[in-house]
Amino acid sequence: MAKKLELLSPAGDMERLRMSVAYGADAVYLAGRQYGMRSFAGNFSRDELKEAVDFCSAHGVAIHVTCNTMPRNDEIDALPEYLAYLQEIGVSAVIVGDVGVLSLAKRYAPKVKVHISTQASVTNYQAAAAWHDLGASRVILARELTLDEISAIRAKTPQALELEAFVHGAMCVSYSGRCVLSNYMSGRDASRGACAQPCRYKYALMEEQRPGEFFPVEEDERGTYIFNSKDMRMIDHVPELLAAGLDSLKIEGRAKSAYYAAVVTGAYRHAVDAALAGEPLDPVWRSELDKVSHRPYSEGFYYGHPEQYTGDARYLRDWQVSAIVTSCASDGRALLSLRNKFQRGAALELVGPGIKPISFTADDLADGDGAPLEEARTPQMPLRLTLPCQAPPLSILRREVVKG
């Protein structure tokens, strides 16, 4: 059993990176403006990459940079300089999915570790060992593997080869994300970071001799979401993941919000710490995962084939971020930055790094200068409020959304 289990969190931009680090990530993964699989995540310019590395280095957190698209001929020439730059600024690892990019990384960034992307669809011990022979220090396993298959890969590969797997977040209807449906329907290349997610569209059946006449595939007036997948959630099974020999647990979500990065990272931080200590997980951290935007959950392929959810493609969004803590005194008097409007007397919940959710009422709402407020309305405005305890910066105030 591993003595160390890395928690790897997403960072679509600097705000999300700071949240992932504050809430307990051991490492973060992100992308520059090229060669990454999430072109809509915001991503990092050259200067921002340097800023990110410096920030993470100061906090003892590793940075993995994605280079996992399958580059075309006209993109190869710029790669050596880019890889050399990643080494120069101190990136911990580069994530690749193409054997040519691996070769270039070993040549132009020899001090940077190479991790093999899930895009390479590693599903057996021979493939994993072959990548290791070519110089990879880690493989990110295909999402389609069961826990038993992962255990078998661990048993039959060099111990120096690290194994990483996704444990939380969106699942792709296509094998390890290798989808051409987006290319066909929208012209947006899924394997180059621009997926339009057509698997979430609503579909109906049209008979060839009846053009324009649509028939629901199910007895439902909305049609059917026949390609839709559930989200993965493995927080209840971290001890089993550890026992299977995984070295890193990966949270999906570079295109998701800073709130998502914070809450999910915080929940899994407690799950990993509990597993390493041989202690049961406090159920409150499992409940946290219901308070971020998500689709219905499953355990992915870890225990067999996951069931699909074909009722609709909507996300469950029951909680809204109200404000972020900027600073807080020992008596709970805090300076905050507003995210969504709320009124004096609102029922709020505080959650933060190392802080279990605490419910309280916003009784003494004031603006940044201390003048009483009945309602905070302007996004990013400074405001003051007494919290139920001292909370570190980047702690979150949220409220439940009343529907109907």
Protein backbone atom coordinates (compact mmCIF):
# COMPACT_ATOMS: atom_id res chain seq x y z
CA MET A 1 0.00 0.00 0.00
CA ALA A 2 1.32 3.44 -0.92
CA LYS A 3 2.52 5.69 1.87
CA LYS A 4 1.59 8.76 -0.12
CA LEU A 5 -1.51 9.42 -2.19
CA GLU A 6 -1.48 12.57 -4.30
CA LEU A 7 -4.64 14.63 -4.63
CA LEU A 8 -4.59 16.27 -8.07
CA SER A 9 -7.00 19.16 -8.69
CA PRO A 10 -8.01 21.20 -11.74
CA ALA A 11 -6.93 24.78 -12.39
CA GLY A 12 -8.58 26.49 -15.35
CA ASP A 13 -7.18 29.91 -14.37
CA MET A 14 -5.40 31.61 -11.48
CA GLU A 15 -8.55 31.96 -9.36
CA ARG A 16 -9.29 28.25 -9.63
CA LEU A 17 -5.65 27.40 -9.02
CA ARG A 18 -5.59 29.42 -5.78
CA MET A 19 -8.77 27.70 -4.62
CA SER A 20 -7.43 24.22 -5.36
CA VAL A 21 -4.21 24.98 -3.46
CA ALA A 22 -6.00 26.61 -0.51
CA TYR A 23 -8.38 23.66 -0.13
CA GLY A 24 -5.67 21.02 -0.01
CA ALA A 25 -4.44 19.89 -3.43
CA ASP A 26 -1.02 18.22 -3.50
CA ALA A 27 -0.76 19.03 -7.20
CA VAL A 28 -2.72 20.91 -9.84
CA TYR A 29 -3.05 20.38 -13.57
CA LEU A 30 -3.52 23.19 -16.05
CA ALA A 31 -2.80 24.22 -19.63
CA GLY A 32 -1.11 26.95 -21.59
CA ARG A 33 -2.92 28.59 -24.47
CA GLN A 34 -1.92 25.73 -26.79
CA TYR A 35 -1.84 21.94 -26.83
CA GLY A 36 -4.39 21.46 -24.01
CA MET A 37 -7.62 19.46 -24.10
CA ARG A 38 -9.83 22.20 -22.61
CA SER A 39 -9.64 25.25 -24.86
CA PHE A 40 -12.60 26.90 -23.08
CA ALA A 41 -11.13 26.67 -19.57
CA GLY A 42 -9.45 30.08 -19.66
CA ASN A 43 -5.96 28.59 -19.45
CA PHE A 44 -2.65 30.37 -18.88
CA SER A 45 -0.49 32.74 -20.89
CA ARG A 46 3.31 32.40 -20.71
CA ASP A 47 3.50 34.98 -17.92
CA GLU A 48 0.60 33.37 -16.07
CA LEU A 49 2.27 29.98 -16.28
CA LYS A 50 5.34 31.47 -14.58
CA GLU A 51 3.12 33.10 -11.95
CA ALA A 52 1.33 29.79 -11.37
CA VAL A 53 4.58 27.87 -10.94
CA ASP A 54 5.96 30.46 -8.50
CA PHE A 55 2.73 30.43 -6.48
CA CYS A 56 2.57 26.64 -6.30
CA SER A 57 6.26 26.33 -5.50
CA ALA A 58 5.78 28.67 -2.55
CA HIS A 59 3.00 26.40 -1.27
CA GLY A 60 4.72 23.07 -1.90
CA VAL A 61 2.31 22.09 -4.68
CA ALA A 62 3.34 20.45 -7.96
CA ILE A 63 2.18 21.71 -11.38
CA HIS A 64 1.34 19.37 -14.25
CA VAL A 65 0.87 21.09 -17.62
CA THR A 66 -1.28 19.44 -20.27
CA CYS A 67 0.20 18.96 -23.73
CA ASN A 68 -2.24 16.21 -24.61
CA THR A 69 -3.82 17.20 -27.91
CA MET A 70 -2.70 15.28 -30.97
CA PRO A 71 -0.73 18.01 -32.77
CA ARG A 72 -0.71 18.36 -36.55
CA ASN A 73 2.38 18.92 -38.66
CA ASP A 74 2.10 22.70 -38.55
CA GLU A 75 2.04 22.68 -34.73
CA ILE A 76 5.11 20.55 -34.14
CA ASP A 77 7.73 23.19 -34.93
CA ALA A 78 6.70 25.37 -31.97
CA LEU A 79 6.71 22.52 -29.46
CA PRO A 80 10.45 22.29 -28.65
CA GLU A 81 10.62 25.93 -27.58
CA TYR A 82 7.40 25.60 -25.55
CA LEU A 83 8.60 22.46 -23.78
CA ALA A 84 11.94 24.10 -23.02
CA TYR A 85 10.07 27.06 -21.54
CA LEU A 86 8.08 24.74 -19.26
CA GLN A 87 11.34 23.31 -17.95
CA GLU A 88 12.84 26.77 -17.55
CA ILE A 89 10.02 28.00 -15.29
CA GLY A 90 10.05 24.85 -13.16
CA VAL A 91 6.98 22.84 -14.20
CA SER A 92 6.82 19.50 -12.38
CA ALA A 93 5.37 17.38 -15.18
CA VAL A 94 3.97 17.58 -18.68
CA ILE A 95 0.93 15.48 -19.66
CA VAL A 96 1.17 14.06 -23.19
CA GLY A 97 -0.94 11.75 -25.31
CA ASP A 98 1.21 11.51 -28.42
CA VAL A 99 4.42 9.46 -28.72
CA GLY A 100 6.02 12.20 -30.82
CA VAL A 101 5.37 14.79 -28.12
CA LEU A 102 6.84 12.38 -25.57
CA SER A 103 10.00 12.15 -27.67
CA LEU A 104 10.26 15.94 -27.90
CA ALA A 105 9.65 16.34 -24.16
CA LYS A 106 12.48 13.95 -23.30
CA ARG A 107 14.78 15.88 -25.64
CA TYR A 108 13.88 19.50 -24.88
CA ALA A 109 12.63 19.26 -21.28
CA PRO A 110 14.60 16.34 -19.82
CA LYS A 111 14.21 17.57 -16.22
CA VAL A 112 10.40 17.60 -16.47
CA LYS A 113 8.54 14.40 -15.69
CA VAL A 114 6.32 13.00 -18.45
CA HIS A 115 2.84 11.73 -17.65
CA ILE A 116 0.80 9.82 -20.25
CA SER A 117 -2.67 11.28 -20.76
CA THR A 118 -5.90 9.35 -20.44
CA GLN A 119 -6.23 10.15 -24.17
CA ALA A 120 -3.71 7.35 -24.74
CA SER A 121 -6.34 4.88 -23.43
CA VAL A 122 -4.03 2.79 -21.25
CA THR A 123 -6.10 -0.23 -20.27
CA ASN A 124 -3.48 -2.96 -19.72
CA TYR A 125 -0.18 -3.55 -17.97
CA GLN A 126 1.77 -4.05 -21.20
CA ALA A 127 0.82 -0.61 -22.54
CA ALA A 128 1.65 0.98 -19.19
CA ALA A 129 5.04 -0.72 -19.07
CA ALA A 130 5.78 0.23 -22.68
CA TRP A 131 5.19 3.92 -21.93
CA HIS A 132 7.51 3.58 -18.94
CA ASP A 133 10.18 2.04 -21.18
CA LEU A 134 9.87 5.12 -23.42
CA GLY A 135 10.56 7.43 -20.50
CA ALA A 136 7.18 8.16 -18.89
CA SER A 137 7.13 8.37 -15.10
CA ARG A 138 3.34 8.09 -14.83
CA VAL A 139 0.33 6.87 -16.80
CA ILE A 140 -3.15 8.32 -16.35
CA LEU A 141 -5.34 5.29 -16.75
CA ALA A 142 -8.40 5.10 -19.00
CA ARG A 143 -11.65 5.79 -17.17
CA GLU A 144 -13.09 2.51 -18.45
CA LEU A 145 -11.04 0.33 -16.06
CA THR A 146 -12.44 -1.52 -13.08
CA LEU A 147 -10.75 -1.48 -9.69
CA ASP A 148 -9.64 -5.08 -10.20
CA GLU A 149 -8.06 -4.23 -13.55
CA ILE A 150 -6.16 -1.36 -11.94
CA SER A 151 -4.88 -3.71 -9.25
CA ALA A 152 -3.66 -6.11 -11.95
CA ILE A 153 -1.86 -3.29 -13.78
CA ARG A 154 -0.18 -2.24 -10.55
CA ALA A 155 0.96 -5.81 -9.87
CA LYS A 156 2.51 -6.25 -13.33
CA THR A 157 4.23 -2.91 -13.92
CA PRO A 158 7.46 -1.45 -12.50
CA GLN A 159 6.94 0.06 -9.07
CA ALA A 160 8.74 3.19 -10.29
CA LEU A 161 5.85 3.82 -12.71
CA GLU A 162 3.16 5.92 -11.02
CA LEU A 163 -0.53 5.26 -11.71
CA GLU A 164 -3.10 8.05 -11.77
CA ALA A 165 -6.86 7.77 -12.23
CA PHE A 166 -9.88 10.05 -12.34
CA VAL A 167 -12.08 9.76 -9.25
CA HIS A 168 -14.55 12.61 -9.61
CA GLY A 169 -16.28 14.66 -12.28
CA ALA A 170 -17.78 14.46 -15.74
CA MET A 171 -17.67 11.26 -17.76
CA CYS A 172 -17.51 11.17 -21.57
CA VAL A 173 -19.87 8.91 -23.51
CA SER A 174 -16.99 8.13 -25.85
CA TYR A 175 -14.07 5.87 -25.00
CA SER A 176 -11.59 7.87 -22.90
CA GLY A 177 -12.82 11.08 -24.50
CA ARG A 178 -12.00 10.06 -28.06
CA CYS A 179 -15.18 11.44 -29.59
CA VAL A 180 -15.86 12.44 -33.20
CA LEU A 181 -19.51 13.35 -32.64
CA SER A 182 -18.59 16.95 -31.84
CA ASN A 183 -16.49 17.19 -35.01
CA TYR A 184 -19.33 15.87 -37.14
CA MET A 185 -22.14 17.96 -35.67
CA SER A 186 -20.42 21.26 -34.93
CA GLY A 187 -17.02 21.26 -36.58
CA ARG A 188 -15.42 21.60 -33.14
CA ASP A 189 -12.66 19.06 -32.62
CA ALA A 190 -13.12 17.11 -29.39
CA SER A 191 -9.57 15.77 -29.52
CA ARG A 192 -8.19 19.29 -29.76
CA GLY A 193 -9.90 20.77 -26.73
CA ALA A 194 -13.02 22.22 -28.38
CA CYS A 195 -15.75 19.64 -27.67
CA ALA A 196 -19.28 21.02 -28.07
CA GLN A 197 -20.66 18.23 -25.84
CA PRO A 198 -23.28 16.94 -28.28
CA CYS A 199 -23.71 13.96 -25.97
CA ARG A 200 -25.79 16.33 -23.79
CA TYR A 201 -28.17 17.29 -26.62
CA LYS A 202 -31.78 16.14 -26.73
CA TYR A 203 -32.41 13.54 -29.45
CA ALA A 204 -35.44 12.06 -31.18
CA LEU A 205 -35.90 9.54 -34.00
CA MET A 206 -36.77 10.54 -37.60
CA GLU A 207 -37.93 7.92 -40.10
CA GLU A 208 -36.43 8.21 -43.61
CA GLN A 209 -39.78 8.43 -45.40
CA ARG A 210 -41.19 11.01 -42.98
CA PRO A 211 -38.68 13.90 -43.05
CA GLY A 212 -39.30 16.54 -40.44
CA GLU A 213 -41.50 14.23 -38.36
CA PHE A 214 -39.78 13.43 -35.09
CA PHE A 215 -40.56 10.46 -32.88
CA PRO A 216 -39.46 10.21 -29.26
CA VAL A 217 -37.25 7.21 -28.56
CA GLU A 218 -38.97 6.93 -25.19
CA GLU A 219 -42.51 7.71 -24.15
CA ASP A 220 -41.57 11.21 -23.08
CA GLU A 221 -42.54 14.49 -24.72
CA ARG A 222 -39.00 15.82 -24.30
CA GLY A 223 -37.41 13.11 -26.41
CA THR A 224 -34.43 11.32 -24.91
CA TYR A 225 -30.87 12.04 -23.85
CA ILE A 226 -29.52 8.75 -25.18
CA PHE A 227 -25.83 9.75 -24.99
CA ASN A 228 -25.91 11.41 -21.58
CA SER A 229 -23.62 10.11 -18.83
CA LYS A 230 -23.64 10.46 -15.08
CA ASP A 231 -20.83 12.19 -13.19
CA MET A 232 -18.28 10.11 -11.31
CA ARG A 233 -18.01 10.21 -7.52
CA MET A 234 -15.60 7.89 -5.70
CA ILE A 235 -15.25 9.69 -2.36
CA ASP A 236 -16.70 6.69 -0.50
CA HIS A 237 -14.03 4.37 -1.90
CA VAL A 238 -10.71 6.14 -1.35
CA PRO A 239 -9.38 3.28 0.84
CA GLU A 240 -10.04 0.83 -2.01
CA LEU A 241 -8.35 3.16 -4.50
CA LEU A 242 -5.35 3.35 -2.20
CA ALA A 243 -5.25 -0.43 -1.78
CA ALA A 244 -5.38 -0.90 -5.57
CA GLY A 245 -2.03 0.86 -5.78
CA LEU A 246 -2.94 4.23 -7.25
CA ASP A 247 -0.45 7.03 -6.66
CA SER A 248 -2.67 9.96 -7.66
CA LEU A 249 -6.40 10.68 -7.53
CA LYS A 250 -7.53 13.15 -10.17
CA ILE A 251 -10.51 15.50 -9.99
CA GLU A 252 -11.99 16.45 -13.37
CA GLY A 253 -13.08 20.03 -13.94
CA ARG A 254 -10.68 22.57 -15.48
CA ALA A 255 -13.66 24.24 -17.18
CA LYS A 256 -15.69 24.35 -13.96
CA SER A 257 -15.96 27.11 -11.39
CA ALA A 258 -13.58 28.18 -8.64
CA TYR A 259 -16.29 27.19 -6.17
CA TYR A 260 -16.33 23.67 -7.63
CA ALA A 261 -12.53 23.44 -7.44
CA ALA A 262 -12.58 24.53 -3.79
CA VAL A 263 -15.41 22.37 -2.48
CA VAL A 264 -14.51 19.17 -4.34
CA THR A 265 -10.82 19.49 -3.49
CA GLY A 266 -11.67 20.12 0.16
CA ALA A 267 -13.95 17.09 0.34
CA TYR A 268 -11.40 14.74 -1.21
CA ARG A 269 -8.61 16.23 0.93
CA HIS A 270 -10.46 14.98 3.99
CA ALA A 271 -11.21 11.64 2.29
CA VAL A 272 -7.54 11.06 1.42
CA ASP A 273 -6.35 12.08 4.89
CA ALA A 274 -8.90 9.77 6.52
CA ALA A 275 -7.89 6.84 4.27
CA LEU A 276 -4.19 7.34 5.00
CA ALA A 277 -4.93 7.46 8.73
CA GLY A 278 -7.14 4.35 8.54
CA GLU A 279 -10.14 6.34 9.77
CA PRO A 280 -13.73 6.52 8.45
CA LEU A 281 -14.72 9.54 6.41
CA ASP A 282 -16.98 12.07 8.11
CA PRO A 283 -20.24 11.98 6.07
CA VAL A 284 -20.30 15.79 5.94
CA TRP A 285 -17.61 15.73 3.24
CA ARG A 286 -19.62 13.40 1.05
CA SER A 287 -22.56 15.77 1.43
CA GLU A 288 -20.37 18.64 0.21
CA LEU A 289 -20.30 17.07 -3.24
CA ASP A 290 -24.06 17.54 -3.50
CA LYS A 291 -23.56 21.28 -3.05
CA VAL A 292 -21.63 21.84 -6.29
CA SER A 293 -23.04 21.84 -9.80
CA HIS A 294 -23.23 18.22 -10.95
CA ARG A 295 -25.20 15.61 -12.83
CA PRO A 296 -26.53 12.52 -11.04
CA TYR A 297 -23.59 10.59 -9.62
CA SER A 298 -22.23 7.10 -10.26
CA GLU A 299 -19.06 5.16 -9.43
CA GLY A 300 -17.90 5.21 -13.04
CA PHE A 301 -16.54 1.89 -14.28
CA TYR A 302 -14.76 0.98 -11.05
CA TYR A 303 -17.31 -1.67 -10.06
CA GLY A 304 -18.73 -2.53 -13.47
CA HIS A 305 -20.55 -0.71 -16.22
CA PRO A 306 -22.15 2.54 -14.98
CA GLU A 307 -25.79 3.21 -15.60
CA GLN A 308 -26.66 6.17 -17.79
CA TYR A 309 -29.03 8.93 -16.83
CA THR A 310 -31.26 9.68 -19.81
CA GLY A 311 -33.94 11.81 -18.15
CA ASP A 312 -32.32 15.13 -19.03
CA ALA A 313 -28.93 16.81 -19.38
CA ARG A 314 -29.31 19.52 -16.78
CA TYR A 315 -26.95 20.11 -13.90
CA LEU A 316 -28.15 20.03 -10.30
CA ARG A 317 -27.44 23.51 -8.91
CA ASP A 318 -28.96 23.97 -5.47
CA TRP A 319 -26.36 26.28 -3.91
CA GLN A 320 -25.02 29.69 -4.91
CA VAL A 321 -21.82 31.44 -3.81
CA SER A 322 -22.64 34.67 -1.96
CA ALA A 323 -19.18 35.98 -1.03
CA ILE A 324 -15.52 35.07 -0.61
CA VAL A 325 -13.53 35.84 2.55
CA THR A 326 -10.71 38.34 2.01
CA SER A 327 -9.57 38.51 5.65
CA CYS A 328 -10.98 37.64 9.05
CA ALA A 329 -10.13 38.58 12.65
CA SER A 330 -10.03 36.08 15.51
CA ASP A 331 -13.52 37.16 16.64
CA GLY A 332 -15.02 36.38 13.22
CA ARG A 333 -15.25 39.95 11.93
CA ALA A 334 -14.52 39.53 8.25
CA LEU A 335 -13.91 41.53 5.10
CA LEU A 336 -15.56 39.86 2.12
CA SER A 337 -15.86 40.20 -1.64
CA LEU A 338 -19.41 39.85 -2.98
CA ARG A 339 -20.26 37.29 -5.67
CA ASN A 340 -24.06 37.17 -5.68
CA LYS A 341 -26.46 39.53 -3.94
CA PHE A 342 -27.96 38.73 -0.56
CA GLN A 343 -29.83 40.62 2.16
CA ARG A 344 -29.35 41.29 5.84
CA GLY A 345 -30.92 38.38 7.67
CA ALA A 346 -30.17 35.88 4.90
CA ALA A 347 -29.51 32.27 5.92
CA LEU A 348 -25.94 31.53 4.88
CA GLU A 349 -23.44 28.73 5.21
CA LEU A 350 -19.70 29.14 5.74
CA VAL A 351 -17.22 26.58 4.44
CA GLY A 352 -13.47 26.96 4.14
CA PRO A 353 -10.11 25.20 4.19
CA GLY A 354 -10.38 22.85 7.14
CA ILE A 355 -13.78 24.27 8.17
CA LYS A 356 -16.87 22.09 8.23
CA PRO A 357 -20.00 23.83 6.90
CA ILE A 358 -21.51 26.15 9.52
CA SER A 359 -24.95 27.71 9.12
CA PHE A 360 -25.55 31.26 10.36
CA THR A 361 -27.56 34.41 9.69
CA ALA A 362 -26.18 37.59 8.10
CA ASP A 363 -27.25 39.91 10.93
CA ASP A 364 -24.72 42.75 10.74
CA LEU A 365 -24.20 43.29 7.03
CA ALA A 366 -22.17 46.42 6.19
CA ASP A 367 -20.25 47.88 3.27
CA GLY A 368 -16.46 48.05 3.14
CA ASP A 369 -16.42 51.25 5.18
CA GLY A 370 -18.65 49.77 7.90
CA ALA A 371 -21.89 51.55 6.91
CA PRO A 372 -24.93 49.28 7.52
CA LEU A 373 -26.41 47.60 4.45
CA GLU A 374 -29.82 46.07 3.94
CA GLU A 375 -28.66 44.30 0.78
CA ALA A 376 -25.30 43.76 -0.94
CA ARG A 377 -25.84 43.94 -4.68
CA THR A 378 -22.73 44.96 -6.63
CA PRO A 379 -20.48 42.04 -7.65
CA GLN A 380 -16.92 42.24 -6.26
CA MET A 381 -17.90 44.98 -3.80
CA PRO A 382 -16.20 44.80 -0.39
CA LEU A 383 -18.49 44.15 2.57
CA ARG A 384 -18.22 43.36 6.24
CA LEU A 385 -19.94 40.64 8.20
CA THR A 386 -19.35 38.77 11.46
CA LEU A 387 -18.82 35.08 10.80
CA PRO A 388 -19.47 32.26 13.31
CA CYS A 389 -15.72 31.59 13.58
CA GLN A 390 -12.40 32.85 12.29
CA ALA A 391 -12.14 31.82 8.66
CA PRO A 392 -9.03 31.82 6.46
CA PRO A 393 -8.90 33.78 3.19
CA LEU A 394 -10.77 32.15 0.30
CA SER A 395 -13.36 30.67 2.63
CA ILE A 396 -16.80 30.70 0.99
CA LEU A 397 -20.20 32.00 2.02
CA ARG A 398 -23.04 30.35 0.17
CA ARG A 399 -26.80 30.06 0.31
CA GLU A 400 -29.29 27.48 -0.81
CA VAL A 401 -31.25 28.47 -3.90
CA VAL A 402 -35.01 28.46 -3.37
CA LYS A 403 -36.72 27.00 -6.43
CA GLY A 404 -40.22 27.37 -7.70
